Amino acid sequence: MRIYGYSRVSTKDQNLDRQLVELKKFVEDRFIFQDKLSGKDFDRPQYQLMRKVAQKGDIIYVKSLDRLGRNKSQVKEELEYYKNEGVRVKVLDIPTTMMDIPEGQEWLMDMINNLLIEVLATMAEQERVNIKQRQAEGIAIAKEKGAYKGRKKIEVDDTFKDAYDKWKAGEITAVKAMEITGLKRNTFYRRVSEYEENK
């Protein structure tokens, strides 16, 4: 049995320290996976690595449900996946997930945890909606004042152009093009979109 931890913040400027302090009470430092990416989906490198290595009998600790993700249906799918794989997820902020389950009482604990997860996942998803709304309102105000510059355009260099041409010609895969350009998936496709708009 292995014990893992998972911590996440949405941006590179945010700090993981508070989560790590709590996780280290249960998990060795070297087994804590960390991402600094949005919780809108599960396309996060460290999360995917943890998901790949976790096996039957293992335990995953996470500080709160919204650190796992903010999309309710996807969070529930992930928890169901771990349950089917025999991996237990313990959420520090949901005490019932931390309890040892008495034999024969698994159904009761499942029912309690499912209710709590439903409520908390809904709240996490709503908070993401609220964040996006606040951002949109802030942008609208900045535009009114003439202070909004928009997202900085990504520069397109010869390396990107070469990789793009080979990818479009079917000579290399998108993954290979990302490797050549040193770009992450989202950045690569955003750059493709901007490049094609300005061609």
C-alpha atoms as a PDB file:
ATOM      1  CA  MET A   1       0.000   0.000   0.000  1.00  0.00           C
ATOM      2  CA  ARG A   2       1.246   3.469  -0.941  1.00  0.00           C
ATOM      3  CA  ILE A   3       0.032   6.765   0.461  1.00  0.00           C
ATOM      4  CA  TYR A   4      -0.074   9.735  -1.923  1.00  0.00           C
ATOM      5  CA  GLY A   5      -1.058  13.377  -1.579  1.00  0.00           C
ATOM      6  CA  TYR A   6      -2.350  15.837  -4.136  1.00  0.00           C
ATOM      7  CA  SER A   7      -2.213  19.632  -3.938  1.00  0.00           C
ATOM      8  CA  ARG A   8      -3.325  22.240  -6.465  1.00  0.00           C
ATOM      9  CA  VAL A   9      -3.586  25.977  -6.922  1.00  0.00           C
ATOM     10  CA  SER A  10      -4.915  27.688 -10.033  1.00  0.00           C
ATOM     11  CA  THR A  11      -1.977  29.925 -10.983  1.00  0.00           C
ATOM     12  CA  LYS A  12       1.816  29.998 -10.731  1.00  0.00           C
ATOM     13  CA  ASP A  13       1.600  33.058  -8.454  1.00  0.00           C
ATOM     14  CA  GLN A  14      -0.386  31.178  -5.810  1.00  0.00           C
ATOM     15  CA  ASN A  15       1.238  29.281  -2.960  1.00  0.00           C
ATOM     16  CA  LEU A  16       0.848  25.577  -2.105  1.00  0.00           C
ATOM     17  CA  ASP A  17       2.372  25.872   1.389  1.00  0.00           C
ATOM     18  CA  ARG A  18      -0.851  25.678   3.446  1.00  0.00           C
ATOM     19  CA  GLN A  19      -1.980  22.526   1.659  1.00  0.00           C
ATOM     20  CA  LEU A  20       1.478  20.955   1.922  1.00  0.00           C
ATOM     21  CA  VAL A  21       1.681  21.561   5.695  1.00  0.00           C
ATOM     22  CA  GLU A  22      -1.570  19.615   6.160  1.00  0.00           C
ATOM     23  CA  LEU A  23      -0.739  16.856   3.671  1.00  0.00           C
ATOM     24  CA  LYS A  24       2.699  16.215   5.205  1.00  0.00           C
ATOM     25  CA  LYS A  25       0.976  15.083   8.413  1.00  0.00           C
ATOM     26  CA  PHE A  26      -0.149  12.002   6.474  1.00  0.00           C
ATOM     27  CA  VAL A  27       2.088  11.731   3.397  1.00  0.00           C
ATOM     28  CA  GLU A  28       5.837  11.629   2.769  1.00  0.00           C
ATOM     29  CA  ASP A  29       7.015  14.729   0.916  1.00  0.00           C
ATOM     30  CA  ARG A  30       8.230  12.727  -2.104  1.00  0.00           C
ATOM     31  CA  PHE A  31       4.769  11.231  -2.660  1.00  0.00           C
ATOM     32  CA  ILE A  32       2.912  14.559  -2.845  1.00  0.00           C
ATOM     33  CA  PHE A  33       1.937  15.564  -6.391  1.00  0.00           C
ATOM     34  CA  GLN A  34       1.590  19.288  -7.094  1.00  0.00           C
ATOM     35  CA  ASP A  35      -0.057  21.251  -9.909  1.00  0.00           C
ATOM     36  CA  LYS A  36      -0.406  24.982 -10.499  1.00  0.00           C
ATOM     37  CA  LEU A  37      -3.275  24.821 -12.976  1.00  0.00           C
ATOM     38  CA  SER A  38      -7.005  25.487 -13.144  1.00  0.00           C
ATOM     39  CA  GLY A  39      -9.421  22.957 -11.646  1.00  0.00           C
ATOM     40  CA  LYS A  40     -11.815  23.260 -14.598  1.00  0.00           C
ATOM     41  CA  ASP A  41     -10.751  19.802 -15.823  1.00  0.00           C
ATOM     42  CA  PHE A  42      -8.279  17.036 -14.980  1.00  0.00           C
ATOM     43  CA  ASP A  43      -5.817  17.688 -17.807  1.00  0.00           C
ATOM     44  CA  ARG A  44      -2.976  18.353 -15.330  1.00  0.00           C
ATOM     45  CA  PRO A  45       0.400  16.572 -15.645  1.00  0.00           C
ATOM     46  CA  GLN A  46       1.045  15.804 -11.965  1.00  0.00           C
ATOM     47  CA  TYR A  47      -2.539  14.742 -11.336  1.00  0.00           C
ATOM     48  CA  GLN A  48      -2.464  12.397 -14.339  1.00  0.00           C
ATOM     49  CA  LEU A  49       0.847  10.933 -13.142  1.00  0.00           C
ATOM     50  CA  MET A  50      -0.627  10.260  -9.690  1.00  0.00           C
ATOM     51  CA  ARG A  51      -3.735   8.706 -11.248  1.00  0.00           C
ATOM     52  CA  LYS A  52      -1.498   6.420 -13.297  1.00  0.00           C
ATOM     53  CA  VAL A  53       0.629   5.176 -10.368  1.00  0.00           C
ATOM     54  CA  ALA A  54      -2.165   4.765  -7.777  1.00  0.00           C
ATOM     55  CA  GLN A  55      -3.123   1.100  -7.411  1.00  0.00           C
ATOM     56  CA  LYS A  56      -5.571  -1.046  -5.461  1.00  0.00           C
ATOM     57  CA  GLY A  57      -5.105  -0.577  -1.720  1.00  0.00           C
ATOM     58  CA  ASP A  58      -3.438   2.851  -2.046  1.00  0.00           C
ATOM     59  CA  ILE A  59      -4.706   6.013  -0.361  1.00  0.00           C
ATOM     60  CA  ILE A  60      -4.779   9.539  -1.784  1.00  0.00           C
ATOM     61  CA  TYR A  61      -5.031  12.521   0.560  1.00  0.00           C
ATOM     62  CA  VAL A  62      -6.271  15.909  -0.615  1.00  0.00           C
ATOM     63  CA  LYS A  63      -6.863  19.008   1.539  1.00  0.00           C
ATOM     64  CA  SER A  64     -10.301  19.862   0.172  1.00  0.00           C
ATOM     65  CA  LEU A  65     -12.545  18.668  -2.620  1.00  0.00           C
ATOM     66  CA  ASP A  66     -12.067  21.820  -4.720  1.00  0.00           C
ATOM     67  CA  ARG A  67      -8.293  21.136  -4.799  1.00  0.00           C
ATOM     68  CA  LEU A  68      -9.150  17.939  -6.671  1.00  0.00           C
ATOM     69  CA  GLY A  69     -11.258  19.873  -9.183  1.00  0.00           C
ATOM     70  CA  ARG A  70     -14.081  22.367  -9.687  1.00  0.00           C
ATOM     71  CA  ASN A  71     -16.171  20.553 -12.289  1.00  0.00           C
ATOM     72  CA  LYS A  72     -18.789  18.625 -10.303  1.00  0.00           C
ATOM     73  CA  SER A  73     -19.538  15.865 -12.810  1.00  0.00           C
ATOM     74  CA  GLN A  74     -15.828  15.267 -13.477  1.00  0.00           C
ATOM     75  CA  VAL A  75     -14.981  15.219  -9.746  1.00  0.00           C
ATOM     76  CA  LYS A  76     -17.667  12.588  -9.185  1.00  0.00           C
ATOM     77  CA  GLU A  77     -16.383  10.566 -12.159  1.00  0.00           C
ATOM     78  CA  GLU A  78     -12.837  10.641 -10.763  1.00  0.00           C
ATOM     79  CA  LEU A  79     -14.000   9.545  -7.299  1.00  0.00           C
ATOM     80  CA  GLU A  80     -16.007   6.725  -8.876  1.00  0.00           C
ATOM     81  CA  TYR A  81     -12.915   5.703 -10.886  1.00  0.00           C
ATOM     82  CA  TYR A  82     -10.806   5.472  -7.699  1.00  0.00           C
ATOM     83  CA  LYS A  83     -13.529   3.540  -5.901  1.00  0.00           C
ATOM     84  CA  ASN A  84     -13.672   0.993  -8.739  1.00  0.00           C
ATOM     85  CA  GLU A  85      -9.858   0.740  -8.728  1.00  0.00           C
ATOM     86  CA  GLY A  86      -9.805   0.096  -4.979  1.00  0.00           C
ATOM     87  CA  VAL A  87      -7.997   3.388  -4.250  1.00  0.00           C
ATOM     88  CA  ARG A  88      -9.330   5.311  -1.261  1.00  0.00           C
ATOM     89  CA  VAL A  89      -9.532   9.114  -1.452  1.00  0.00           C
ATOM     90  CA  LYS A  90      -9.402  10.895   1.902  1.00  0.00           C
ATOM     91  CA  VAL A  91     -10.395  14.576   1.954  1.00  0.00           C
ATOM     92  CA  LEU A  92      -9.054  16.356   5.042  1.00  0.00           C
ATOM     93  CA  ASP A  93     -11.988  18.783   5.085  1.00  0.00           C
ATOM     94  CA  ILE A  94     -14.569  15.948   4.934  1.00  0.00           C
ATOM     95  CA  PRO A  95     -14.076  14.090   8.252  1.00  0.00           C
ATOM     96  CA  THR A  96     -16.207  11.084   7.264  1.00  0.00           C
ATOM     97  CA  THR A  97     -13.784  10.264   4.422  1.00  0.00           C
ATOM     98  CA  MET A  98     -10.991  10.091   7.026  1.00  0.00           C
ATOM     99  CA  MET A  99     -12.732   7.540   9.240  1.00  0.00           C
ATOM    100  CA  ASP A 100     -11.931   3.840   9.270  1.00  0.00           C
ATOM    101  CA  ILE A 101     -14.970   2.048   7.886  1.00  0.00           C
ATOM    102  CA  PRO A 102     -16.403  -0.668  10.153  1.00  0.00           C
ATOM    103  CA  GLU A 103     -16.985  -3.945   8.321  1.00  0.00           C
ATOM    104  CA  GLY A 104     -20.527  -4.124   7.000  1.00  0.00           C
ATOM    105  CA  GLN A 105     -21.010  -0.346   7.283  1.00  0.00           C
ATOM    106  CA  GLU A 106     -19.465   0.574   3.919  1.00  0.00           C
ATOM    107  CA  TRP A 107     -22.893   1.362   2.419  1.00  0.00           C
ATOM    108  CA  LEU A 108     -23.665   3.877   5.177  1.00  0.00           C
ATOM    109  CA  MET A 109     -20.298   5.660   4.812  1.00  0.00           C
ATOM    110  CA  ASP A 110     -20.740   5.715   1.030  1.00  0.00           C
ATOM    111  CA  MET A 111     -24.165   7.313   1.401  1.00  0.00           C
ATOM    112  CA  ILE A 112     -22.892   9.992   3.819  1.00  0.00           C
ATOM    113  CA  ASN A 113     -19.811  10.739   1.697  1.00  0.00           C
ATOM    114  CA  ASN A 114     -21.840  10.895  -1.528  1.00  0.00           C
ATOM    115  CA  LEU A 115     -24.197  13.469   0.015  1.00  0.00           C
ATOM    116  CA  LEU A 116     -21.301  15.596   1.265  1.00  0.00           C
ATOM    117  CA  ILE A 117     -19.444  15.322  -2.027  1.00  0.00           C
ATOM    118  CA  GLU A 118     -22.575  16.337  -3.965  1.00  0.00           C
ATOM    119  CA  VAL A 119     -22.958  19.493  -1.860  1.00  0.00           C
ATOM    120  CA  LEU A 120     -19.264  20.427  -1.813  1.00  0.00           C
ATOM    121  CA  ALA A 121     -18.711  19.706  -5.514  1.00  0.00           C
ATOM    122  CA  THR A 122     -21.706  21.899  -6.365  1.00  0.00           C
ATOM    123  CA  MET A 123     -20.231  24.689  -4.227  1.00  0.00           C
ATOM    124  CA  ALA A 124     -16.789  24.316  -5.877  1.00  0.00           C
ATOM    125  CA  GLU A 125     -18.333  24.473  -9.357  1.00  0.00           C
ATOM    126  CA  GLN A 126     -20.398  27.533  -8.404  1.00  0.00           C
ATOM    127  CA  GLU A 127     -17.292  29.277  -7.082  1.00  0.00           C
ATOM    128  CA  ARG A 128     -15.610  28.757 -10.461  1.00  0.00           C
ATOM    129  CA  VAL A 129     -18.640  30.331 -12.166  1.00  0.00           C
ATOM    130  CA  ASN A 130     -18.434  33.261  -9.701  1.00  0.00           C
ATOM    131  CA  ILE A 131     -14.700  33.737 -10.404  1.00  0.00           C
ATOM    132  CA  LYS A 132     -15.314  33.857 -14.173  1.00  0.00           C
ATOM    133  CA  GLN A 133     -18.183  36.319 -13.640  1.00  0.00           C
ATOM    134  CA  ARG A 134     -16.007  38.589 -11.476  1.00  0.00           C
ATOM    135  CA  GLN A 135     -13.259  38.461 -14.132  1.00  0.00           C
ATOM    136  CA  ALA A 136     -15.758  39.384 -16.881  1.00  0.00           C
ATOM    137  CA  GLU A 137     -17.110  42.264 -14.772  1.00  0.00           C
ATOM    138  CA  GLY A 138     -13.564  43.499 -14.097  1.00  0.00           C
ATOM    139  CA  ILE A 139     -12.711  43.378 -17.814  1.00  0.00           C
ATOM    140  CA  ALA A 140     -15.937  45.241 -18.687  1.00  0.00           C
ATOM    141  CA  ILE A 141     -15.096  48.021 -16.198  1.00  0.00           C
ATOM    142  CA  ALA A 142     -11.487  48.222 -17.481  1.00  0.00           C
ATOM    143  CA  LYS A 143     -12.766  48.454 -21.084  1.00  0.00           C
ATOM    144  CA  GLU A 144     -15.103  51.310 -20.119  1.00  0.00           C
ATOM    145  CA  LYS A 145     -12.142  53.165 -18.636  1.00  0.00           C
ATOM    146  CA  GLY A 146     -10.002  52.343 -21.680  1.00  0.00           C
ATOM    147  CA  ALA A 147      -7.529  50.497 -19.451  1.00  0.00           C
ATOM    148  CA  TYR A 148      -8.043  46.957 -20.772  1.00  0.00           C
ATOM    149  CA  LYS A 149      -5.187  45.752 -22.966  1.00  0.00           C
ATOM    150  CA  GLY A 150      -6.389  42.175 -23.418  1.00  0.00           C
ATOM    151  CA  ARG A 151      -4.265  39.066 -23.274  1.00  0.00           C
ATOM    152  CA  LYS A 152      -0.759  39.616 -24.556  1.00  0.00           C
ATOM    153  CA  LYS A 153      -0.317  38.133 -28.004  1.00  0.00           C
ATOM    154  CA  ILE A 154       2.052  35.226 -28.252  1.00  0.00           C
ATOM    155  CA  GLU A 155       5.076  35.755 -30.458  1.00  0.00           C
ATOM    156  CA  VAL A 156       5.457  33.253 -33.306  1.00  0.00           C
ATOM    157  CA  ASP A 157       9.067  32.353 -34.141  1.00  0.00           C
ATOM    158  CA  ASP A 158      10.616  30.225 -36.904  1.00  0.00           C
ATOM    159  CA  THR A 159      10.749  27.126 -34.673  1.00  0.00           C
ATOM    160  CA  PHE A 160       7.004  27.305 -34.185  1.00  0.00           C
ATOM    161  CA  LYS A 161       6.330  27.976 -37.891  1.00  0.00           C
ATOM    162  CA  ASP A 162       8.472  25.004 -38.907  1.00  0.00           C
ATOM    163  CA  ALA A 163       6.818  22.661 -36.400  1.00  0.00           C
ATOM    164  CA  TYR A 164       3.372  23.989 -37.375  1.00  0.00           C
ATOM    165  CA  ASP A 165       3.991  23.355 -41.094  1.00  0.00           C
ATOM    166  CA  LYS A 166       5.248  19.804 -40.469  1.00  0.00           C
ATOM    167  CA  TRP A 167       2.290  19.081 -38.171  1.00  0.00           C
ATOM    168  CA  LYS A 168      -0.236  20.409 -40.686  1.00  0.00           C
ATOM    169  CA  ALA A 169       1.436  18.386 -43.443  1.00  0.00           C
ATOM    170  CA  GLY A 170       1.032  15.253 -41.327  1.00  0.00           C
ATOM    171  CA  GLU A 171       4.791  14.735 -41.008  1.00  0.00           C
ATOM    172  CA  ILE A 172       4.733  14.928 -37.205  1.00  0.00           C
ATOM    173  CA  THR A 173       2.098  14.583 -34.485  1.00  0.00           C
ATOM    174  CA  ALA A 174       0.776  17.475 -32.378  1.00  0.00           C
ATOM    175  CA  VAL A 175       2.610  15.986 -29.373  1.00  0.00           C
ATOM    176  CA  LYS A 176       5.893  16.064 -31.319  1.00  0.00           C
ATOM    177  CA  ALA A 177       5.196  19.677 -32.372  1.00  0.00           C
ATOM    178  CA  MET A 178       4.650  20.594 -28.705  1.00  0.00           C
ATOM    179  CA  GLU A 179       7.915  18.884 -27.822  1.00  0.00           C
ATOM    180  CA  ILE A 180       9.821  20.794 -30.537  1.00  0.00           C
ATOM    181  CA  THR A 181       8.338  24.163 -29.535  1.00  0.00           C
ATOM    182  CA  GLY A 182       8.529  23.480 -25.804  1.00  0.00           C
ATOM    183  CA  LEU A 183       4.891  24.456 -25.362  1.00  0.00           C
ATOM    184  CA  LYS A 184       2.223  22.955 -23.166  1.00  0.00           C
ATOM    185  CA  ARG A 185      -0.953  21.697 -24.846  1.00  0.00           C
ATOM    186  CA  ASN A 186      -3.195  24.715 -24.122  1.00  0.00           C
ATOM    187  CA  THR A 187      -0.492  27.236 -25.075  1.00  0.00           C
ATOM    188  CA  PHE A 188       0.318  25.326 -28.271  1.00  0.00           C
ATOM    189  CA  TYR A 189      -3.300  25.304 -29.475  1.00  0.00           C
ATOM    190  CA  ARG A 190      -3.803  28.948 -28.483  1.00  0.00           C
ATOM    191  CA  ARG A 191      -0.724  29.870 -30.506  1.00  0.00           C
ATOM    192  CA  VAL A 192      -2.009  27.799 -33.460  1.00  0.00           C
ATOM    193  CA  SER A 193      -5.327  29.630 -33.274  1.00  0.00           C
ATOM    194  CA  GLU A 194      -3.668  33.082 -33.188  1.00  0.00           C
ATOM    195  CA  TYR A 195      -1.213  32.129 -35.945  1.00  0.00           C
ATOM    196  CA  GLU A 196      -4.021  30.907 -38.228  1.00  0.00           C
ATOM    197  CA  GLU A 197      -6.081  34.040 -37.569  1.00  0.00           C
ATOM    198  CA  ASN A 198      -3.175  36.284 -38.570  1.00  0.00           C
ATOM    199  CA  LYS A 199      -1.832  34.263 -41.524  1.00  0.00           C
END
